[in-house]
Protein backbone atom coordinates (compact mmCIF):
# COMPACT_ATOMS: atom_id res chain seq x y z
CA MET A 1 48.06 11.64 0.67
CA ILE A 2 50.88 12.92 -1.54
CA THR A 3 51.06 11.38 -4.97
CA THR A 4 54.26 10.79 -6.89
CA SER A 5 53.58 13.71 -9.21
CA THR A 6 52.92 16.02 -6.26
CA ALA A 7 56.14 14.89 -4.61
CA ALA A 8 58.02 15.55 -7.85
CA ILE A 9 56.59 19.06 -8.12
CA ILE A 10 57.45 19.78 -4.49
CA ALA A 11 60.99 18.53 -5.08
CA LEU A 12 61.38 20.67 -8.20
CA VAL A 13 60.24 23.77 -6.33
CA LEU A 14 61.93 23.21 -2.97
CA LEU A 15 65.27 21.79 -4.06
CA PRO A 16 66.49 24.99 -5.77
CA LEU A 17 65.40 27.03 -2.75
CA ILE A 18 67.27 24.72 -0.40
CA VAL A 19 70.40 24.98 -2.55
CA ILE A 20 70.16 28.79 -2.57
CA LEU A 21 69.71 28.91 1.21
CA TRP A 22 72.64 26.53 1.71
CA ALA A 23 74.89 28.61 -0.55
CA THR A 24 73.88 31.82 1.21
CA GLU A 25 74.48 30.31 4.63
CA SER A 26 77.81 29.01 3.48
CA SER A 27 78.82 32.43 2.17
CA GLN A 28 77.81 34.14 5.41
CA GLN A 29 79.73 31.61 7.49
CA ARG A 30 82.77 32.08 5.27
CA GLN A 31 82.58 35.87 5.62
CA THR A 32 82.24 35.52 9.39
CA ARG A 33 85.36 33.34 9.62
CA GLN A 34 87.31 35.63 7.31
CA ALA A 35 86.27 38.80 9.15
CA ARG A 36 87.18 37.28 12.52
CA ARG A 37 90.55 36.08 11.22
CA LEU A 38 91.41 39.42 9.60
CA SER A 39 90.42 41.26 12.77
CA ARG A 40 92.03 39.04 15.41
CA HIS A 41 95.08 37.64 13.67
CA TYR A 42 96.02 40.47 11.35
CA GLY A 43 94.68 43.45 13.30
CA LEU A 44 92.79 44.94 10.35
CA SER A 45 90.17 47.60 11.01
CA GLN A 46 86.56 47.02 10.07
CA ARG A 47 87.00 49.41 7.17
CA GLN A 48 90.01 47.48 5.87
CA ILE A 49 88.17 44.17 6.27
CA ALA A 50 85.17 45.56 4.38
CA GLN A 51 87.43 46.60 1.51
CA GLN A 52 89.22 43.25 1.52
CA LEU A 53 85.99 41.20 1.47
CA GLY A 54 84.04 43.56 -0.78
CA ILE A 55 81.23 44.06 1.75
CA SER A 56 79.97 47.04 3.73
CA GLN A 57 81.52 48.09 7.02
CA SER A 58 78.21 47.49 8.83
CA THR A 59 78.18 43.91 7.49
CA VAL A 60 81.70 43.42 8.83
CA SER A 61 80.55 44.73 12.20
CA ARG A 62 77.67 42.24 12.26
CA ARG A 63 79.89 39.35 11.14
CA ILE A 64 82.47 40.06 13.84
CA ALA A 65 79.79 40.45 16.51
CA HIS A 66 78.22 37.18 15.37
CA ALA A 67 81.61 35.42 15.51
CA PHE A 68 81.99 36.09 19.23
């Protein structure tokens, strides 16, 4: 059985981790959408997209592959 104090400790430990994971996921999704848009709609190369988003070219490649 989980006591109130145990539940509070779990919440204090897990909540920040959940927030970090959510923020990271959100950032990755945003980069994926931006990379896809820059590639498809504006015709930018992966190198140009990497420079625009401030990420590596290999990350752009993964984001675009993940988008499709």
